[in-house]
Amino acid sequence: MDLIWLSSELFSPELWEAGPKENLLGLLSLASNCIMEALSVRPSMKHVAEKLKQLQTN
């Protein structure tokens, strides 16, 4: 999946420009992992919480 292209479809131009883009892409990647059909490949809530904290501090 091309997250850069997809980001222009999901984020408003104002949000994308306000950035930081790396955090927005990280959030998008995490969200896409959370909605995987196979439960075995979805991240645990602990992993999700850790990733969100990591993105917040960047």
PDB file of N, CA and C in Angstrom:
ATOM      1  N   MET A   1       0.842  -1.179   0.000  1.00  0.00           N
ATOM      2  CA  MET A   1       0.000   0.000   0.000  1.00  0.00           C
ATOM      3  C   MET A   1       0.881   1.234   0.000  1.00  0.00           C
ATOM      4  N   ASP A   2       0.599   2.186  -0.854  1.00  0.00           N
ATOM      5  CA  ASP A   2       1.368   3.412  -0.936  1.00  0.00           C
ATOM      6  C   ASP A   2       0.761   4.439   0.011  1.00  0.00           C
ATOM      7  N   LEU A   3       1.358   4.571   1.190  1.00  0.00           N
ATOM      8  CA  LEU A   3       0.788   5.442   2.211  1.00  0.00           C
ATOM      9  C   LEU A   3       0.879   6.911   1.855  1.00  0.00           C
ATOM     10  N   ILE A   4       1.897   7.315   1.099  1.00  0.00           N
ATOM     11  CA  ILE A   4       2.016   8.718   0.701  1.00  0.00           C
ATOM     12  C   ILE A   4       0.829   9.107  -0.169  1.00  0.00           C
ATOM     13  N   TRP A   5       0.523   8.287  -1.163  1.00  0.00           N
ATOM     14  CA  TRP A   5      -0.619   8.568  -2.035  1.00  0.00           C
ATOM     15  C   TRP A   5      -1.915   8.528  -1.240  1.00  0.00           C
ATOM     16  N   LEU A   6      -2.082   7.520  -0.404  1.00  0.00           N
ATOM     17  CA  LEU A   6      -3.298   7.353   0.369  1.00  0.00           C
ATOM     18  C   LEU A   6      -3.499   8.505   1.344  1.00  0.00           C
ATOM     19  N   SER A   7      -2.424   9.057   1.840  1.00  0.00           N
ATOM     20  CA  SER A   7      -2.535  10.149   2.808  1.00  0.00           C
ATOM     21  C   SER A   7      -3.263  11.347   2.220  1.00  0.00           C
ATOM     22  N   SER A   8      -3.057  11.611   0.949  1.00  0.00           N
ATOM     23  CA  SER A   8      -3.741  12.752   0.332  1.00  0.00           C
ATOM     24  C   SER A   8      -5.240  12.509   0.220  1.00  0.00           C
ATOM     25  N   GLU A   9      -5.639  11.252   0.276  1.00  0.00           N
ATOM     26  CA  GLU A   9      -7.055  10.906   0.237  1.00  0.00           C
ATOM     27  C   GLU A   9      -7.689  10.946   1.625  1.00  0.00           C
ATOM     28  N   LEU A  10      -6.900  10.747   2.671  1.00  0.00           N
ATOM     29  CA  LEU A  10      -7.443  10.620   4.020  1.00  0.00           C
ATOM     30  C   LEU A  10      -7.260  11.851   4.897  1.00  0.00           C
ATOM     31  N   PHE A  11      -6.198  12.591   4.689  1.00  0.00           N
ATOM     32  CA  PHE A  11      -5.935  13.766   5.510  1.00  0.00           C
ATOM     33  C   PHE A  11      -6.282  15.023   4.739  1.00  0.00           C
ATOM     34  N   SER A  12      -6.851  15.982   5.437  1.00  0.00           N
ATOM     35  CA  SER A  12      -7.133  17.271   4.793  1.00  0.00           C
ATOM     36  C   SER A  12      -5.798  17.927   4.430  1.00  0.00           C
ATOM     37  N   PRO A  13      -5.799  18.759   3.397  1.00  0.00           N
ATOM     38  CA  PRO A  13      -4.550  19.443   3.024  1.00  0.00           C
ATOM     39  C   PRO A  13      -3.973  20.256   4.187  1.00  0.00           C
ATOM     40  N   GLU A  14      -4.833  20.860   4.989  1.00  0.00           N
ATOM     41  CA  GLU A  14      -4.360  21.658   6.120  1.00  0.00           C
ATOM     42  C   GLU A  14      -3.643  20.796   7.151  1.00  0.00           C
ATOM     43  N   LEU A  15      -4.216  19.641   7.454  1.00  0.00           N
ATOM     44  CA  LEU A  15      -3.594  18.730   8.421  1.00  0.00           C
ATOM     45  C   LEU A  15      -2.286  18.184   7.870  1.00  0.00           C
ATOM     46  N   TRP A  16      -2.286  17.811   6.601  1.00  0.00           N
ATOM     47  CA  TRP A  16      -1.074  17.258   5.980  1.00  0.00           C
ATOM     48  C   TRP A  16       0.049  18.290   6.003  1.00  0.00           C
ATOM     49  N   GLU A  17      -0.273  19.541   5.725  1.00  0.00           N
ATOM     50  CA  GLU A  17       0.752  20.600   5.714  1.00  0.00           C
ATOM     51  C   GLU A  17       1.219  20.939   7.132  1.00  0.00           C
ATOM     52  N   ALA A  18       0.311  20.822   8.113  1.00  0.00           N
ATOM     53  CA  ALA A  18       0.674  21.124   9.502  1.00  0.00           C
ATOM     54  C   ALA A  18       1.617  20.063  10.055  1.00  0.00           C
ATOM     55  N   GLY A  19       1.443  18.821   9.557  1.00  0.00           N
ATOM     56  CA  GLY A  19       2.335  17.717   9.892  1.00  0.00           C
ATOM     57  C   GLY A  19       2.505  17.488  11.376  1.00  0.00           C
ATOM     58  N   PRO A  20       3.613  16.908  11.793  1.00  0.00           N
ATOM     59  CA  PRO A  20       4.675  16.411  10.925  1.00  0.00           C
ATOM     60  C   PRO A  20       4.226  15.173  10.138  1.00  0.00           C
ATOM     61  N   LYS A  21       4.611  15.149   8.895  1.00  0.00           N
ATOM     62  CA  LYS A  21       4.168  14.098   7.974  1.00  0.00           C
ATOM     63  C   LYS A  21       4.551  12.693   8.455  1.00  0.00           C
ATOM     64  N   GLU A  22       5.726  12.568   9.069  1.00  0.00           N
ATOM     65  CA  GLU A  22       6.162  11.254   9.554  1.00  0.00           C
ATOM     66  C   GLU A  22       5.185  10.712  10.596  1.00  0.00           C
ATOM     67  N   ASN A  23       4.686  11.579  11.456  1.00  0.00           N
ATOM     68  CA  ASN A  23       3.731  11.147  12.479  1.00  0.00           C
ATOM     69  C   ASN A  23       2.395  10.769  11.851  1.00  0.00           C
ATOM     70  N   LEU A  24       1.958  11.535  10.878  1.00  0.00           N
ATOM     71  CA  LEU A  24       0.700  11.221  10.198  1.00  0.00           C
ATOM     72  C   LEU A  24       0.804   9.890   9.470  1.00  0.00           C
ATOM     73  N   LEU A  25       1.922   9.653   8.808  1.00  0.00           N
ATOM     74  CA  LEU A  25       2.124   8.380   8.113  1.00  0.00           C
ATOM     75  C   LEU A  25       2.218   7.227   9.104  1.00  0.00           C
ATOM     76  N   GLY A  26       2.851   7.463  10.251  1.00  0.00           N
ATOM     77  CA  GLY A  26       2.920   6.443  11.282  1.00  0.00           C
ATOM     78  C   GLY A  26       1.546   6.098  11.824  1.00  0.00           C
ATOM     79  N   LEU A  27       0.719   7.110  12.021  1.00  0.00           N
ATOM     80  CA  LEU A  27      -0.643   6.896  12.490  1.00  0.00           C
ATOM     81  C   LEU A  27      -1.459   6.133  11.453  1.00  0.00           C
ATOM     82  N   LEU A  28      -1.288   6.488  10.202  1.00  0.00           N
ATOM     83  CA  LEU A  28      -1.988   5.807   9.118  1.00  0.00           C
ATOM     84  C   LEU A  28      -1.550   4.345   9.017  1.00  0.00           C
ATOM     85  N   SER A  29      -0.279   4.098   9.156  1.00  0.00           N
ATOM     86  CA  SER A  29       0.246   2.731   9.117  1.00  0.00           C
ATOM     87  C   SER A  29      -0.307   1.910  10.276  1.00  0.00           C
ATOM     88  N   LEU A  30      -0.313   2.496  11.454  1.00  0.00           N
ATOM     89  CA  LEU A  30      -0.843   1.804  12.628  1.00  0.00           C
ATOM     90  C   LEU A  30      -2.324   1.490  12.443  1.00  0.00           C
ATOM     91  N   ALA A  31      -3.078   2.450  11.959  1.00  0.00           N
ATOM     92  CA  ALA A  31      -4.511   2.238  11.739  1.00  0.00           C
ATOM     93  C   ALA A  31      -4.752   1.134  10.718  1.00  0.00           C
ATOM     94  N   SER A  32      -3.957   1.109   9.654  1.00  0.00           N
ATOM     95  CA  SER A  32      -4.155   0.066   8.645  1.00  0.00           C
ATOM     96  C   SER A  32      -3.826  -1.315   9.209  1.00  0.00           C
ATOM     97  N   ASN A  33      -2.850  -1.385  10.112  1.00  0.00           N
ATOM     98  CA  ASN A  33      -2.547  -2.666  10.767  1.00  0.00           C
ATOM     99  C   ASN A  33      -3.674  -3.112  11.682  1.00  0.00           C
ATOM    100  N   CYS A  34      -4.343  -2.162  12.310  1.00  0.00           N
ATOM    101  CA  CYS A  34      -5.412  -2.481  13.259  1.00  0.00           C
ATOM    102  C   CYS A  34      -6.667  -3.025  12.579  1.00  0.00           C
ATOM    103  N   ILE A  35      -6.813  -2.784  11.302  1.00  0.00           N
ATOM    104  CA  ILE A  35      -8.023  -3.248  10.617  1.00  0.00           C
ATOM    105  C   ILE A  35      -7.757  -4.431   9.693  1.00  0.00           C
ATOM    106  N   MET A  36      -6.611  -5.068   9.867  1.00  0.00           N
ATOM    107  CA  MET A  36      -6.312  -6.257   9.084  1.00  0.00           C
ATOM    108  C   MET A  36      -7.372  -7.312   9.357  1.00  0.00           C
ATOM    109  N   GLU A  37      -7.738  -8.051   8.346  1.00  0.00           N
ATOM    110  CA  GLU A  37      -8.783  -9.070   8.501  1.00  0.00           C
ATOM    111  C   GLU A  37      -8.368 -10.180   9.462  1.00  0.00           C
ATOM    112  N   ALA A  38      -7.134 -10.634   9.341  1.00  0.00           N
ATOM    113  CA  ALA A  38      -6.646 -11.725  10.193  1.00  0.00           C
ATOM    114  C   ALA A  38      -6.262 -11.180  11.570  1.00  0.00           C
ATOM    115  N   LEU A  39      -6.919 -11.669  12.588  1.00  0.00           N
ATOM    116  CA  LEU A  39      -6.640 -11.214  13.951  1.00  0.00           C
ATOM    117  C   LEU A  39      -5.194 -11.452  14.357  1.00  0.00           C
ATOM    118  N   SER A  40      -4.598 -12.501  13.836  1.00  0.00           N
ATOM    119  CA  SER A  40      -3.238 -12.859  14.237  1.00  0.00           C
ATOM    120  C   SER A  40      -2.193 -11.830  13.810  1.00  0.00           C
ATOM    121  N   VAL A  41      -2.486 -11.000  12.849  1.00  0.00           N
ATOM    122  CA  VAL A  41      -1.514  -9.997  12.404  1.00  0.00           C
ATOM    123  C   VAL A  41      -1.819  -8.599  12.935  1.00  0.00           C
ATOM    124  N   ARG A  42      -2.940  -8.448  13.607  1.00  0.00           N
ATOM    125  CA  ARG A  42      -3.264  -7.155  14.208  1.00  0.00           C
ATOM    126  C   ARG A  42      -2.384  -6.918  15.426  1.00  0.00           C
ATOM    127  N   PRO A  43      -1.987  -5.661  15.655  1.00  0.00           N
ATOM    128  CA  PRO A  43      -1.180  -5.376  16.848  1.00  0.00           C
ATOM    129  C   PRO A  43      -2.027  -5.482  18.111  1.00  0.00           C
ATOM    130  N   SER A  44      -1.365  -5.799  19.211  1.00  0.00           N
ATOM    131  CA  SER A  44      -2.062  -5.833  20.500  1.00  0.00           C
ATOM    132  C   SER A  44      -2.355  -4.396  20.934  1.00  0.00           C
ATOM    133  N   MET A  45      -3.277  -4.245  21.869  1.00  0.00           N
ATOM    134  CA  MET A  45      -3.577  -2.904  22.377  1.00  0.00           C
ATOM    135  C   MET A  45      -2.358  -2.312  23.074  1.00  0.00           C
ATOM    136  N   LYS A  46      -1.552  -3.157  23.693  1.00  0.00           N
ATOM    137  CA  LYS A  46      -0.320  -2.670  24.322  1.00  0.00           C
ATOM    138  C   LYS A  46       0.600  -2.073  23.263  1.00  0.00           C
ATOM    139  N   HIS A  47       0.748  -2.762  22.147  1.00  0.00           N
ATOM    140  CA  HIS A  47       1.594  -2.261  21.061  1.00  0.00           C
ATOM    141  C   HIS A  47       1.020  -0.964  20.494  1.00  0.00           C
ATOM    142  N   VAL A  48      -0.293  -0.910  20.331  1.00  0.00           N
ATOM    143  CA  VAL A  48      -0.946   0.302  19.809  1.00  0.00           C
ATOM    144  C   VAL A  48      -0.678   1.480  20.741  1.00  0.00           C
ATOM    145  N   ALA A  49      -0.863   1.274  22.038  1.00  0.00           N
ATOM    146  CA  ALA A  49      -0.629   2.344  23.014  1.00  0.00           C
ATOM    147  C   ALA A  49       0.828   2.806  22.983  1.00  0.00           C
ATOM    148  N   GLU A  50       1.767   1.864  22.901  1.00  0.00           N
ATOM    149  CA  GLU A  50       3.192   2.210  22.842  1.00  0.00           C
ATOM    150  C   GLU A  50       3.507   3.007  21.581  1.00  0.00           C
ATOM    151  N   LYS A  51       2.953   2.580  20.459  1.00  0.00           N
ATOM    152  CA  LYS A  51       3.197   3.276  19.192  1.00  0.00           C
ATOM    153  C   LYS A  51       2.617   4.684  19.214  1.00  0.00           C
ATOM    154  N   LEU A  52       1.424   4.842  19.788  1.00  0.00           N
ATOM    155  CA  LEU A  52       0.815   6.169  19.885  1.00  0.00           C
ATOM    156  C   LEU A  52       1.658   7.102  20.767  1.00  0.00           C
ATOM    157  N   LYS A  53       2.181   6.571  21.865  1.00  0.00           N
ATOM    158  CA  LYS A  53       3.064   7.374  22.723  1.00  0.00           C
ATOM    159  C   LYS A  53       4.318   7.768  21.967  1.00  0.00           C
ATOM    160  N   GLN A  54       4.863   6.833  21.211  1.00  0.00           N
ATOM    161  CA  GLN A  54       6.071   7.091  20.423  1.00  0.00           C
ATOM    162  C   GLN A  54       5.798   8.189  19.387  1.00  0.00           C
ATOM    163  N   LEU A  55       4.681   8.103  18.705  1.00  0.00           N
ATOM    164  CA  LEU A  55       4.341   9.102  17.703  1.00  0.00           C
ATOM    165  C   LEU A  55       4.115  10.476  18.345  1.00  0.00           C
ATOM    166  N   GLN A  56       3.560  10.488  19.545  1.00  0.00           N
ATOM    167  CA  GLN A  56       3.280  11.735  20.232  1.00  0.00           C
ATOM    168  C   GLN A  56       4.566  12.453  20.631  1.00  0.00           C
ATOM    169  N   THR A  57       5.602  11.696  20.982  1.00  0.00           N
ATOM    170  CA  THR A  57       6.855  12.318  21.447  1.00  0.00           C
ATOM    171  C   THR A  57       7.761  12.734  20.301  1.00  0.00           C
ATOM    172  N   ASN A  58       7.473  12.298  19.081  1.00  0.00           N
ATOM    173  CA  ASN A  58       8.309  12.671  17.927  1.00  0.00           C
ATOM    174  C   ASN A  58       7.986  14.042  17.433  1.00  0.00           C
TER     175      ASN A  58
END
